[in-house]
Every structure is written in C-alpha cells, then in structure tokens.
Full PDB file with SEQRES, HELIX, SHEET, SSBOND, CRYST1, ORIGX, SCALE, CONECT and MASTER records, all heavy atoms in Angstrom:
SEQRES   1 A   40  LYS ASN LEU ILE ILE TYR TYR SER ARG LYS GLY GLU ASN          
SEQRES   2 A   40  TYR TRP ASN GLY SER VAL LYS ASN ILE ALA LYS GLY ASN          
SEQRES   3 A   40  THR GLU ILE VAL ALA GLN PHE ILE GLN LYS ALA VAL GLY          
SEQRES   4 A   40  GLY                                                          
HELIX    1 AA1 ASN A   26  VAL A   38  1                                  13    
SHEET    1 AA1 2 GLY A  11  TRP A  15  0                                        
SHEET    2 AA1 2 SER A  18  ILE A  22 -1                                        
CRYST1    1.000    1.000    1.000  90.00  90.00  90.00 P 1           1          
ORIGX1      1.000000  0.000000  0.000000        0.00000                         
ORIGX2      0.000000  1.000000  0.000000        0.00000                         
ORIGX3      0.000000  0.000000  1.000000        0.00000                         
SCALE1      1.000000  0.000000  0.000000        0.00000                         
SCALE2      0.000000  1.000000  0.000000        0.00000                         
SCALE3      0.000000  0.000000  1.000000        0.00000                         
ATOM      1  N   LYS A   1      24.022  -4.869  16.405  1.00  0.00           N  
ATOM      2  CA  LYS A   1      23.232  -5.535  15.368  1.00  0.00           C  
ATOM      3  C   LYS A   1      22.099  -6.352  16.045  1.00  0.00           C  
ATOM      4  O   LYS A   1      22.356  -7.069  17.001  1.00  0.00           O  
ATOM      5  CB  LYS A   1      24.128  -6.409  14.485  1.00  0.00           C  
ATOM      6  CG  LYS A   1      23.398  -6.953  13.283  1.00  0.00           C  
ATOM      7  CD  LYS A   1      24.329  -7.233  12.132  1.00  0.00           C  
ATOM      8  CE  LYS A   1      23.423  -7.545  10.925  1.00  0.00           C  
ATOM      9  NZ  LYS A   1      24.063  -8.380   9.961  1.00  0.00           N  
ATOM     10  N   ASN A   2      20.892  -6.200  15.486  1.00  0.00           N  
ATOM     11  CA  ASN A   2      19.724  -6.790  16.124  1.00  0.00           C  
ATOM     12  C   ASN A   2      19.146  -7.897  15.283  1.00  0.00           C  
ATOM     13  O   ASN A   2      19.115  -7.794  14.010  1.00  0.00           O  
ATOM     14  CB  ASN A   2      18.625  -5.707  16.287  1.00  0.00           C  
ATOM     15  CG  ASN A   2      19.115  -4.558  17.090  1.00  0.00           C  
ATOM     16  OD1 ASN A   2      19.656  -4.741  18.175  1.00  0.00           O  
ATOM     17  ND2 ASN A   2      18.919  -3.356  16.575  1.00  0.00           N  
ATOM     18  N   LEU A   3      18.668  -8.910  15.930  1.00  0.00           N  
ATOM     19  CA  LEU A   3      17.942 -10.036  15.293  1.00  0.00           C  
ATOM     20  C   LEU A   3      16.596 -10.140  15.953  1.00  0.00           C  
ATOM     21  O   LEU A   3      16.475 -10.085  17.173  1.00  0.00           O  
ATOM     22  CB  LEU A   3      18.745 -11.374  15.487  1.00  0.00           C  
ATOM     23  CG  LEU A   3      18.066 -12.645  15.044  1.00  0.00           C  
ATOM     24  CD1 LEU A   3      17.818 -12.646  13.510  1.00  0.00           C  
ATOM     25  CD2 LEU A   3      18.904 -13.831  15.430  1.00  0.00           C  
ATOM     26  N   ILE A   4      15.564 -10.322  15.157  1.00  0.00           N  
ATOM     27  CA  ILE A   4      14.203 -10.457  15.615  1.00  0.00           C  
ATOM     28  C   ILE A   4      13.682 -11.805  15.186  1.00  0.00           C  
ATOM     29  O   ILE A   4      13.385 -12.031  14.028  1.00  0.00           O  
ATOM     30  CB  ILE A   4      13.284  -9.313  15.164  1.00  0.00           C  
ATOM     31  CG1 ILE A   4      13.881  -7.957  15.490  1.00  0.00           C  
ATOM     32  CG2 ILE A   4      11.892  -9.433  15.656  1.00  0.00           C  
ATOM     33  CD1 ILE A   4      13.869  -6.947  14.371  1.00  0.00           C  
ATOM     34  N   ILE A   5      13.628 -12.758  16.142  1.00  0.00           N  
ATOM     35  CA  ILE A   5      13.082 -14.084  15.857  1.00  0.00           C  
ATOM     36  C   ILE A   5      11.638 -14.125  16.306  1.00  0.00           C  
ATOM     37  O   ILE A   5      11.328 -13.693  17.429  1.00  0.00           O  
ATOM     38  CB  ILE A   5      13.862 -15.161  16.688  1.00  0.00           C  
ATOM     39  CG1 ILE A   5      15.330 -15.168  16.289  1.00  0.00           C  
ATOM     40  CG2 ILE A   5      13.225 -16.536  16.496  1.00  0.00           C  
ATOM     41  CD1 ILE A   5      16.194 -16.066  17.198  1.00  0.00           C  
ATOM     42  N   TYR A   6      10.741 -14.570  15.398  1.00  0.00           N  
ATOM     43  CA  TYR A   6       9.334 -14.528  15.802  1.00  0.00           C  
ATOM     44  C   TYR A   6       8.528 -15.696  15.182  1.00  0.00           C  
ATOM     45  O   TYR A   6       8.876 -16.229  14.119  1.00  0.00           O  
ATOM     46  CB  TYR A   6       8.658 -13.210  15.396  1.00  0.00           C  
ATOM     47  CG  TYR A   6       8.426 -13.071  13.914  1.00  0.00           C  
ATOM     48  CD1 TYR A   6       7.132 -13.330  13.357  1.00  0.00           C  
ATOM     49  CD2 TYR A   6       9.427 -12.586  13.058  1.00  0.00           C  
ATOM     50  CE1 TYR A   6       6.932 -13.247  12.009  1.00  0.00           C  
ATOM     51  CE2 TYR A   6       9.207 -12.445  11.718  1.00  0.00           C  
ATOM     52  CZ  TYR A   6       7.928 -12.778  11.162  1.00  0.00           C  
ATOM     53  OH  TYR A   6       7.731 -12.671   9.828  1.00  0.00           O  
ATOM     54  N   TYR A   7       7.523 -16.109  15.937  1.00  0.00           N  
ATOM     55  CA  TYR A   7       6.489 -16.962  15.404  1.00  0.00           C  
ATOM     56  C   TYR A   7       5.178 -16.189  15.475  1.00  0.00           C  
ATOM     57  O   TYR A   7       4.903 -15.507  16.488  1.00  0.00           O  
ATOM     58  CB  TYR A   7       6.344 -18.274  16.195  1.00  0.00           C  
ATOM     59  CG  TYR A   7       5.193 -19.096  15.681  1.00  0.00           C  
ATOM     60  CD1 TYR A   7       5.355 -19.932  14.594  1.00  0.00           C  
ATOM     61  CD2 TYR A   7       3.934 -18.953  16.204  1.00  0.00           C  
ATOM     62  CE1 TYR A   7       4.265 -20.667  14.075  1.00  0.00           C  
ATOM     63  CE2 TYR A   7       2.831 -19.605  15.666  1.00  0.00           C  
ATOM     64  CZ  TYR A   7       3.007 -20.468  14.630  1.00  0.00           C  
ATOM     65  OH  TYR A   7       1.946 -21.128  14.076  1.00  0.00           O  
ATOM     66  N   SER A   8       4.366 -16.265  14.423  1.00  0.00           N  
ATOM     67  CA  SER A   8       3.076 -15.551  14.416  1.00  0.00           C  
ATOM     68  C   SER A   8       2.006 -16.390  13.748  1.00  0.00           C  
ATOM     69  O   SER A   8       2.320 -17.119  12.795  1.00  0.00           O  
ATOM     70  CB  SER A   8       3.288 -14.233  13.665  1.00  0.00           C  
ATOM     71  OG  SER A   8       2.176 -13.351  13.916  1.00  0.00           O  
ATOM     72  N   ARG A   9       0.811 -16.290  14.215  1.00  0.00           N  
ATOM     73  CA  ARG A   9      -0.308 -17.055  13.611  1.00  0.00           C  
ATOM     74  C   ARG A   9      -1.272 -16.069  12.929  1.00  0.00           C  
ATOM     75  O   ARG A   9      -1.782 -15.180  13.544  1.00  0.00           O  
ATOM     76  CB  ARG A   9      -1.038 -17.820  14.715  1.00  0.00           C  
ATOM     77  CG  ARG A   9      -2.277 -18.584  14.194  1.00  0.00           C  
ATOM     78  CD  ARG A   9      -2.933 -19.359  15.282  1.00  0.00           C  
ATOM     79  NE  ARG A   9      -4.245 -19.827  14.901  1.00  0.00           N  
ATOM     80  CZ  ARG A   9      -4.470 -20.945  14.205  1.00  0.00           C  
ATOM     81  NH1 ARG A   9      -3.459 -21.684  13.807  1.00  0.00           N  
ATOM     82  NH2 ARG A   9      -5.715 -21.303  13.921  1.00  0.00           N  
ATOM     83  N   LYS A  10      -1.417 -16.336  11.622  1.00  0.00           N  
ATOM     84  CA  LYS A  10      -2.480 -15.589  10.906  1.00  0.00           C  
ATOM     85  C   LYS A  10      -3.730 -16.529  10.787  1.00  0.00           C  
ATOM     86  O   LYS A  10      -3.634 -17.633  11.216  1.00  0.00           O  
ATOM     87  CB  LYS A  10      -2.071 -15.148   9.523  1.00  0.00           C  
ATOM     88  CG  LYS A  10      -0.965 -15.966   8.832  1.00  0.00           C  
ATOM     89  CD  LYS A  10      -0.562 -15.397   7.509  1.00  0.00           C  
ATOM     90  CE  LYS A  10       0.833 -15.102   7.228  1.00  0.00           C  
ATOM     91  NZ  LYS A  10       1.914 -15.603   7.908  1.00  0.00           N  
ATOM     92  N   GLY A  11      -4.780 -15.982  10.348  1.00  0.00           N  
ATOM     93  CA  GLY A  11      -6.023 -16.764  10.252  1.00  0.00           C  
ATOM     94  C   GLY A  11      -6.792 -16.642  11.520  1.00  0.00           C  
ATOM     95  O   GLY A  11      -6.837 -15.552  12.122  1.00  0.00           O  
ATOM     96  N   GLU A  12      -7.411 -17.738  12.019  1.00  0.00           N  
ATOM     97  CA  GLU A  12      -8.245 -17.652  13.197  1.00  0.00           C  
ATOM     98  C   GLU A  12      -7.392 -17.427  14.417  1.00  0.00           C  
ATOM     99  O   GLU A  12      -6.429 -18.151  14.701  1.00  0.00           O  
ATOM    100  CB  GLU A  12      -9.044 -18.962  13.398  1.00  0.00           C  
ATOM    101  CG  GLU A  12     -10.184 -19.140  12.385  1.00  0.00           C  
ATOM    102  CD  GLU A  12     -11.109 -20.297  12.709  1.00  0.00           C  
ATOM    103  OE1 GLU A  12     -10.916 -20.988  13.754  1.00  0.00           O  
ATOM    104  OE2 GLU A  12     -12.032 -20.502  11.930  1.00  0.00           O  
ATOM    105  N   ASN A  13      -7.761 -16.404  15.175  1.00  0.00           N  
ATOM    106  CA  ASN A  13      -7.091 -16.039  16.464  1.00  0.00           C  
ATOM    107  C   ASN A  13      -8.117 -15.636  17.475  1.00  0.00           C  
ATOM    108  O   ASN A  13      -9.180 -15.141  17.120  1.00  0.00           O  
ATOM    109  CB  ASN A  13      -6.151 -14.846  16.195  1.00  0.00           C  
ATOM    110  CG  ASN A  13      -4.763 -15.234  15.782  1.00  0.00           C  
ATOM    111  OD1 ASN A  13      -3.891 -15.344  16.578  1.00  0.00           O  
ATOM    112  ND2 ASN A  13      -4.590 -15.439  14.499  1.00  0.00           N  
ATOM    113  N   TYR A  14      -7.789 -15.835  18.732  1.00  0.00           N  
ATOM    114  CA  TYR A  14      -8.626 -15.350  19.807  1.00  0.00           C  
ATOM    115  C   TYR A  14      -8.489 -13.847  19.863  1.00  0.00           C  
ATOM    116  O   TYR A  14      -7.372 -13.313  19.827  1.00  0.00           O  
ATOM    117  CB  TYR A  14      -8.212 -15.987  21.116  1.00  0.00           C  
ATOM    118  CG  TYR A  14      -9.213 -15.819  22.223  1.00  0.00           C  
ATOM    119  CD1 TYR A  14     -10.415 -16.555  22.204  1.00  0.00           C  
ATOM    120  CD2 TYR A  14      -9.000 -14.931  23.268  1.00  0.00           C  
ATOM    121  CE1 TYR A  14     -11.365 -16.344  23.206  1.00  0.00           C  
ATOM    122  CE2 TYR A  14      -9.950 -14.789  24.286  1.00  0.00           C  
ATOM    123  CZ  TYR A  14     -11.090 -15.502  24.255  1.00  0.00           C  
ATOM    124  OH  TYR A  14     -12.016 -15.348  25.262  1.00  0.00           O  
ATOM    125  N   TRP A  15      -9.585 -13.137  19.963  1.00  0.00           N  
ATOM    126  CA  TRP A  15      -9.560 -11.660  19.798  1.00  0.00           C  
ATOM    127  C   TRP A  15     -10.649 -11.090  20.670  1.00  0.00           C  
ATOM    128  O   TRP A  15     -11.776 -11.103  20.306  1.00  0.00           O  
ATOM    129  CB  TRP A  15      -9.792 -11.330  18.315  1.00  0.00           C  
ATOM    130  CG  TRP A  15      -9.606  -9.916  17.932  1.00  0.00           C  
ATOM    131  CD1 TRP A  15     -10.522  -8.901  18.064  1.00  0.00           C  
ATOM    132  CD2 TRP A  15      -8.489  -9.363  17.225  1.00  0.00           C  
ATOM    133  NE1 TRP A  15      -9.981  -7.712  17.568  1.00  0.00           N  
ATOM    134  CE2 TRP A  15      -8.741  -8.014  17.052  1.00  0.00           C  
ATOM    135  CE3 TRP A  15      -7.274  -9.850  16.828  1.00  0.00           C  
ATOM    136  CZ2 TRP A  15      -7.888  -7.157  16.412  1.00  0.00           C  
ATOM    137  CZ3 TRP A  15      -6.397  -9.035  16.199  1.00  0.00           C  
ATOM    138  CH2 TRP A  15      -6.724  -7.648  16.000  1.00  0.00           C  
ATOM    139  N   ASN A  16     -10.245 -10.485  21.799  1.00  0.00           N  
ATOM    140  CA  ASN A  16     -11.205  -9.817  22.687  1.00  0.00           C  
ATOM    141  C   ASN A  16     -12.404 -10.675  23.003  1.00  0.00           C  
ATOM    142  O   ASN A  16     -13.566 -10.227  22.944  1.00  0.00           O  
ATOM    143  CB  ASN A  16     -11.616  -8.452  22.124  1.00  0.00           C  
ATOM    144  CG  ASN A  16     -10.557  -7.415  22.275  1.00  0.00           C  
ATOM    145  OD1 ASN A  16      -9.701  -7.508  23.173  1.00  0.00           O  
ATOM    146  ND2 ASN A  16     -10.580  -6.427  21.399  1.00  0.00           N  
ATOM    147  N   GLY A  17     -12.228 -11.950  23.321  1.00  0.00           N  
ATOM    148  CA  GLY A  17     -13.311 -12.820  23.765  1.00  0.00           C  
ATOM    149  C   GLY A  17     -13.989 -13.622  22.725  1.00  0.00           C  
ATOM    150  O   GLY A  17     -14.891 -14.426  22.997  1.00  0.00           O  
ATOM    151  N   SER A  18     -13.555 -13.482  21.454  1.00  0.00           N  
ATOM    152  CA  SER A  18     -14.150 -14.325  20.381  1.00  0.00           C  
ATOM    153  C   SER A  18     -13.011 -14.658  19.442  1.00  0.00           C  
ATOM    154  O   SER A  18     -11.866 -14.241  19.503  1.00  0.00           O  
ATOM    155  CB  SER A  18     -15.302 -13.603  19.693  1.00  0.00           C  
ATOM    156  OG  SER A  18     -14.823 -12.452  19.073  1.00  0.00           O  
ATOM    157  N   VAL A  19     -13.385 -15.504  18.393  1.00  0.00           N  
ATOM    158  CA  VAL A  19     -12.419 -15.877  17.384  1.00  0.00           C  
ATOM    159  C   VAL A  19     -12.597 -15.002  16.164  1.00  0.00           C  
ATOM    160  O   VAL A  19     -13.760 -14.804  15.696  1.00  0.00           O  
ATOM    161  CB  VAL A  19     -12.542 -17.367  17.073  1.00  0.00           C  
ATOM    162  CG1 VAL A  19     -11.610 -17.749  15.911  1.00  0.00           C  
ATOM    163  CG2 VAL A  19     -12.217 -18.218  18.291  1.00  0.00           C  
ATOM    164  N   LYS A  20     -11.512 -14.464  15.668  1.00  0.00           N  
ATOM    165  CA  LYS A  20     -11.567 -13.575  14.494  1.00  0.00           C  
ATOM    166  C   LYS A  20     -10.476 -14.026  13.490  1.00  0.00           C  
ATOM    167  O   LYS A  20      -9.447 -14.493  13.903  1.00  0.00           O  
ATOM    168  CB  LYS A  20     -11.250 -12.152  14.960  1.00  0.00           C  
ATOM    169  CG  LYS A  20     -11.219 -11.141  13.884  1.00  0.00           C  
ATOM    170  CD  LYS A  20     -10.926  -9.725  14.479  1.00  0.00           C  
ATOM    171  CE  LYS A  20     -10.734  -8.703  13.357  1.00  0.00           C  
ATOM    172  NZ  LYS A  20     -10.451  -7.391  13.841  1.00  0.00           N  
ATOM    173  N   ASN A  21     -10.786 -13.854  12.237  1.00  0.00           N  
ATOM    174  CA  ASN A  21      -9.840 -14.217  11.205  1.00  0.00           C  
ATOM    175  C   ASN A  21      -8.996 -12.995  10.871  1.00  0.00           C  
ATOM    176  O   ASN A  21      -9.545 -11.903  10.524  1.00  0.00           O  
ATOM    177  CB  ASN A  21     -10.560 -14.717   9.956  1.00  0.00           C  
ATOM    178  CG  ASN A  21      -9.753 -15.523   9.053  1.00  0.00           C  
ATOM    179  OD1 ASN A  21      -8.553 -15.275   8.895  1.00  0.00           O  
ATOM    180  ND2 ASN A  21     -10.332 -16.563   8.488  1.00  0.00           N  
ATOM    181  N   ILE A  22      -7.691 -13.101  10.990  1.00  0.00           N  
ATOM    182  CA  ILE A  22      -6.814 -11.954  10.726  1.00  0.00           C  
ATOM    183  C   ILE A  22      -5.806 -12.320   9.612  1.00  0.00           C  
ATOM    184  O   ILE A  22      -5.289 -13.429   9.534  1.00  0.00           O  
ATOM    185  CB  ILE A  22      -6.047 -11.472  11.990  1.00  0.00           C  
ATOM    186  CG1 ILE A  22      -5.225 -12.591  12.636  1.00  0.00           C  
ATOM    187  CG2 ILE A  22      -7.069 -10.935  13.027  1.00  0.00           C  
ATOM    188  CD1 ILE A  22      -4.393 -12.140  13.837  1.00  0.00           C  
ATOM    189  N   ALA A  23      -5.555 -11.323   8.745  1.00  0.00           N  
ATOM    190  CA  ALA A  23      -4.674 -11.567   7.596  1.00  0.00           C  
ATOM    191  C   ALA A  23      -3.213 -11.593   7.967  1.00  0.00           C  
ATOM    192  O   ALA A  23      -2.421 -12.291   7.358  1.00  0.00           O  
ATOM    193  CB  ALA A  23      -4.908 -10.431   6.559  1.00  0.00           C  
ATOM    194  N   LYS A  24      -2.802 -10.854   8.991  1.00  0.00           N  
ATOM    195  CA  LYS A  24      -1.420 -10.826   9.468  1.00  0.00           C  
ATOM    196  C   LYS A  24      -1.431 -11.083  10.949  1.00  0.00           C  
ATOM    197  O   LYS A  24      -2.184 -10.468  11.707  1.00  0.00           O  
ATOM    198  CB  LYS A  24      -0.773  -9.477   9.176  1.00  0.00           C  
ATOM    199  CG  LYS A  24       0.695  -9.418   9.547  1.00  0.00           C  
ATOM    200  CD  LYS A  24       1.285  -8.024   9.363  1.00  0.00           C  
ATOM    201  CE  LYS A  24       1.808  -7.839   7.976  1.00  0.00           C  
ATOM    202  NZ  LYS A  24       2.629  -6.628   7.862  1.00  0.00           N  
ATOM    203  N   GLY A  25      -0.534 -11.976  11.426  1.00  0.00           N  
ATOM    204  CA  GLY A  25      -0.528 -12.322  12.801  1.00  0.00           C  
ATOM    205  C   GLY A  25      -0.083 -11.173  13.693  1.00  0.00           C  
ATOM    206  O   GLY A  25       0.720 -10.277  13.261  1.00  0.00           O  
ATOM    207  N   ASN A  26      -0.560 -11.128  14.908  1.00  0.00           N  
ATOM    208  CA  ASN A  26      -0.284 -10.069  15.826  1.00  0.00           C  
ATOM    209  C   ASN A  26       1.197  -9.932  16.144  1.00  0.00           C  
ATOM    210  O   ASN A  26       1.774  -8.851  16.195  1.00  0.00           O  
ATOM    211  CB  ASN A  26      -1.022 -10.224  17.179  1.00  0.00           C  
ATOM    212  CG  ASN A  26      -2.545 -10.254  16.958  1.00  0.00           C  
ATOM    213  OD1 ASN A  26      -3.073  -9.466  16.130  1.00  0.00           O  
ATOM    214  ND2 ASN A  26      -3.270 -11.082  17.685  1.00  0.00           N  
ATOM    215  N   THR A  27       1.870 -11.054  16.334  1.00  0.00           N  
ATOM    216  CA  THR A  27       3.274 -11.064  16.642  1.00  0.00           C  
ATOM    217  C   THR A  27       4.105 -10.590  15.472  1.00  0.00           C  
ATOM    218  O   THR A  27       5.092  -9.864  15.632  1.00  0.00           O  
ATOM    219  CB  THR A  27       3.741 -12.425  17.113  1.00  0.00           C  
ATOM    220  OG1 THR A  27       2.916 -12.918  18.194  1.00  0.00           O  
ATOM    221  CG2 THR A  27       5.195 -12.372  17.622  1.00  0.00           C  
ATOM    222  N   GLU A  28       3.722 -10.890  14.231  1.00  0.00           N  
ATOM    223  CA  GLU A  28       4.420 -10.428  13.075  1.00  0.00           C  
ATOM    224  C   GLU A  28       4.363  -8.870  13.009  1.00  0.00           C  
ATOM    225  O   GLU A  28       5.329  -8.219  12.695  1.00  0.00           O  
ATOM    226  CB  GLU A  28       3.849 -11.015  11.803  1.00  0.00           C  
ATOM    227  CG  GLU A  28       4.564 -10.572  10.558  1.00  0.00           C  
ATOM    228  CD  GLU A  28       4.029 -11.181   9.265  1.00  0.00           C  
ATOM    229  OE1 GLU A  28       2.978 -11.904   9.296  1.00  0.00           O  
ATOM    230  OE2 GLU A  28       4.659 -10.948   8.187  1.00  0.00           O  
ATOM    231  N   ILE A  29       3.196  -8.353  13.354  1.00  0.00           N  
ATOM    232  CA  ILE A  29       3.044  -6.866  13.324  1.00  0.00           C  
ATOM    233  C   ILE A  29       4.024  -6.243  14.323  1.00  0.00           C  
ATOM    234  O   ILE A  29       4.735  -5.305  14.041  1.00  0.00           O  
ATOM    235  CB  ILE A  29       1.553  -6.518  13.699  1.00  0.00           C  
ATOM    236  CG1 ILE A  29       0.632  -6.900  12.554  1.00  0.00           C  
ATOM    237  CG2 ILE A  29       1.433  -5.039  14.048  1.00  0.00           C  
ATOM    238  CD1 ILE A  29      -0.849  -6.829  12.914  1.00  0.00           C  
ATOM    239  N   VAL A  30       4.092  -6.820  15.529  1.00  0.00           N  
ATOM    240  CA  VAL A  30       4.946  -6.280  16.590  1.00  0.00           C  
ATOM    241  C   VAL A  30       6.429  -6.453  16.191  1.00  0.00           C  
ATOM    242  O   VAL A  30       7.246  -5.553  16.363  1.00  0.00           O  
ATOM    243  CB  VAL A  30       4.616  -6.955  17.942  1.00  0.00           C  
ATOM    244  CG1 VAL A  30       5.680  -6.543  18.968  1.00  0.00           C  
ATOM    245  CG2 VAL A  30       3.245  -6.572  18.413  1.00  0.00           C  
ATOM    246  N   ALA A  31       6.765  -7.587  15.611  1.00  0.00           N  
ATOM    247  CA  ALA A  31       8.159  -7.837  15.152  1.00  0.00           C  
ATOM    248  C   ALA A  31       8.551  -6.773  14.128  1.00  0.00           C  
ATOM    249  O   ALA A  31       9.699  -6.263  14.183  1.00  0.00           O  
ATOM    250  CB  ALA A  31       8.325  -9.248  14.607  1.00  0.00           C  
ATOM    251  N   GLN A  32       7.675  -6.479  13.241  1.00  0.00           N  
ATOM    252  CA  GLN A  32       7.969  -5.490  12.228  1.00  0.00           C  
ATOM    253  C   GLN A  32       8.122  -4.056  12.843  1.00  0.00           C  
ATOM    254  O   GLN A  32       8.922  -3.273  12.390  1.00  0.00           O  
ATOM    255  CB  GLN A  32       6.912  -5.481  11.106  1.00  0.00           C  
ATOM    256  CG  GLN A  32       7.068  -6.766  10.271  1.00  0.00           C  
ATOM    257  CD  GLN A  32       5.934  -6.926   9.245  1.00  0.00           C  
ATOM    258  OE1 GLN A  32       4.840  -6.301   9.360  1.00  0.00           O  
ATOM    259  NE2 GLN A  32       6.133  -7.781   8.284  1.00  0.00           N  
ATOM    260  N   PHE A  33       7.350  -3.801  13.875  1.00  0.00           N  
ATOM    261  CA  PHE A  33       7.506  -2.541  14.589  1.00  0.00           C  
ATOM    262  C   PHE A  33       8.872  -2.426  15.232  1.00  0.00           C  
ATOM    263  O   PHE A  33       9.503  -1.357  15.237  1.00  0.00           O  
ATOM    264  CB  PHE A  33       6.422  -2.333  15.659  1.00  0.00           C  
ATOM    265  CG  PHE A  33       5.020  -2.030  15.136  1.00  0.00           C  
ATOM    266  CD1 PHE A  33       3.904  -2.298  15.909  1.00  0.00           C  
ATOM    267  CD2 PHE A  33       4.806  -1.509  13.849  1.00  0.00           C  
ATOM    268  CE1 PHE A  33       2.623  -2.016  15.489  1.00  0.00           C  
ATOM    269  CE2 PHE A  33       3.515  -1.236  13.370  1.00  0.00           C  
ATOM    270  CZ  PHE A  33       2.435  -1.494  14.228  1.00  0.00           C  
ATOM    271  N   ILE A  34       9.359  -3.506  15.812  1.00  0.00           N  
ATOM    272  CA  ILE A  34      10.706  -3.539  16.400  1.00  0.00           C  
ATOM    273  C   ILE A  34      11.735  -3.253  15.338  1.00  0.00           C  
ATOM    274  O   ILE A  34      12.622  -2.417  15.496  1.00  0.00           O  
ATOM    275  CB  ILE A  34      10.999  -4.867  17.095  1.00  0.00           C  
ATOM    276  CG1 ILE A  34      10.084  -5.125  18.281  1.00  0.00           C  
ATOM    277  CG2 ILE A  34      12.471  -4.970  17.483  1.00  0.00           C  
ATOM    278  CD1 ILE A  34      10.085  -6.557  18.798  1.00  0.00           C  
ATOM    279  N   GLN A  35      11.609  -3.952  14.216  1.00  0.00           N  
ATOM    280  CA  GLN A  35      12.572  -3.746  13.095  1.00  0.00           C  
ATOM    281  C   GLN A  35      12.597  -2.296  12.626  1.00  0.00           C  
ATOM    282  O   GLN A  35      13.610  -1.694  12.384  1.00  0.00           O  
ATOM    283  CB  GLN A  35      12.254  -4.690  11.924  1.00  0.00           C  
ATOM    284  CG  GLN A  35      13.261  -4.606  10.793  1.00  0.00           C  
ATOM    285  CD  GLN A  35      12.876  -5.424   9.587  1.00  0.00           C  
ATOM    286  OE1 GLN A  35      11.714  -5.429   9.206  1.00  0.00           O  
ATOM    287  NE2 GLN A  35      13.862  -6.080   9.002  1.00  0.00           N  
ATOM    288  N   LYS A  36      11.369  -1.704  12.484  1.00  0.00           N  
ATOM    289  CA  LYS A  36      11.266  -0.339  12.030  1.00  0.00           C  
ATOM    290  C   LYS A  36      11.923   0.637  13.037  1.00  0.00           C  
ATOM    291  O   LYS A  36      12.562   1.621  12.651  1.00  0.00           O  
ATOM    292  CB  LYS A  36       9.818   0.025  11.830  1.00  0.00           C  
ATOM    293  CG  LYS A  36       9.546   1.408  11.265  1.00  0.00           C  
ATOM    294  CD  LYS A  36       8.075   1.659  11.074  1.00  0.00           C  
ATOM    295  CE  LYS A  36       7.771   3.051  10.614  1.00  0.00           C  
ATOM    296  NZ  LYS A  36       6.335   3.312  10.534  1.00  0.00           N  
ATOM    297  N   ALA A  37      11.805   0.341  14.348  1.00  0.00           N  
ATOM    298  CA  ALA A  37      12.290   1.196  15.415  1.00  0.00           C  
ATOM    299  C   ALA A  37      13.799   1.141  15.547  1.00  0.00           C  
ATOM    300  O   ALA A  37      14.461   2.174  15.730  1.00  0.00           O  
ATOM    301  CB  ALA A  37      11.634   0.897  16.709  1.00  0.00           C  
ATOM    302  N   VAL A  38      14.374  -0.056  15.538  1.00  0.00           N  
ATOM    303  CA  VAL A  38      15.801  -0.215  15.860  1.00  0.00           C  
ATOM    304  C   VAL A  38      16.598  -0.911  14.763  1.00  0.00           C  
ATOM    305  O   VAL A  38      17.845  -1.149  14.944  1.00  0.00           O  
ATOM    306  CB  VAL A  38      16.010  -0.918  17.213  1.00  0.00           C  
ATOM    307  CG1 VAL A  38      15.431  -0.119  18.322  1.00  0.00           C  
ATOM    308  CG2 VAL A  38      15.467  -2.351  17.168  1.00  0.00           C  
ATOM    309  N   GLY A  39      15.988  -1.289  13.672  1.00  0.00           N  
ATOM    310  CA  GLY A  39      16.669  -2.019  12.639  1.00  0.00           C  
ATOM    311  C   GLY A  39      16.899  -3.458  13.038  1.00  0.00           C  
ATOM    312  O   GLY A  39      16.639  -3.852  14.157  1.00  0.00           O  
ATOM    313  N   GLY A  40      17.394  -4.217  12.103  1.00  0.00           N  
ATOM    314  CA  GLY A  40      17.705  -5.635  12.401  1.00  0.00           C  
ATOM    315  C   GLY A  40      17.122  -6.560  11.379  1.00  0.00           C  
ATOM    316  O   GLY A  40      16.374  -6.168  10.461  1.00  0.00           O  
TER     317      GLY A  40                                                      
MASTER        0    0    0    1    2    0    0    6  316    1    0    4          
END                                                                             
C-alpha cells in the first residue's frame, strides 16, 4: 500500500528563468502521476 505525501505551489512559480503563473503546482502533477502508476 502506497502513500504519496506532497506539498505543491500553484500560482507564481519560477519557470525556465522567469516567473510564470501556473494553475496546478508542478509537484501536484508529479504526485498524481505516481498515484496513477502505482496506486495509493
């Protein structure tokens, strides 16, 4: 059984050398990919 603990920042983020506003945080996206791959 898997648990995925995450903190993620939406809104203003550093992005390839500048600041960009993002609707979903990068870490949340990755956490959801983990869940999709292995469950949890």
